Amino acid sequence: MQDSVSLRIGDAKDADSLAPLIYASAPTLMDFLFGSSEQAISYLTSACRVSDGQYSAVRHYLAHADDKVLACMSLWHSNMPSTFHLGTIDSLTRFLRPAQIAHIVNCNDALQVVFKPPASDEVCLGHFAVAPDWQRKNIASNLMAFVVRQANRKNKKRIVLDVDASNETAISFYQKWDFAVKSKSAYEPTNQRFLRMVKTLV
């Protein structure tokens, strides 16, 4: 990391600054799932404060400087603990209206087709985002170097991620890190195409 920029696990107190970054990692999809950017960020802020789950702050690595959150990412594997799944359900049922929950449940099967879970020898990188004022300052590269170290430490063979096919800046960055497109899929409700990109570890 740059001088004065360091990496740590997120905490509930980071919710207000972390939620917009998580939202920025997939704004079109978030708007569709939660109804609008305002509703999405409101839900994510609440979910960040839950003790575990997909959007919990404790499941995110944060780049920060002087207590300011600059970037975030999550790392998922094939055998996430029961607390992760229960925390995700808890955040949905606690903070969303029944109609919103029903909408997300109805979308789930199609989402699972697009966003396939990682295999046992893979780690999945998600919610990868850098605050606009901190982009092009080598923070994303330092985060990615950390991901590679973590994957190697856990004896994983591949790092996988999903990216909107229209996000040329992100795709170019991943390609510089030797990620290659493995498959393409469509999510018709938002008229999006997603690429599953894979980096094979030596």
Foldseek 3Di string as FASTA:
>chain_A
DPVQKDKDQFALVCLLQLLVLLCVQPVLVLCQLQVHPVRSSVLLSQLCHQPAEPSHSRQKMFIDGPPHTFWIKGKDADCDDPCHVVSHVCSPVVRHDPVSVVSNVVCVVVVCVQDPHHDRLEIEMGSTGGPPVCPPVCPSVVVVVVVLVVSVVVNHFKYKYKHWPVPVVVVVVVVVVVWDFDDKDADPVSRTIMTITMDGDD
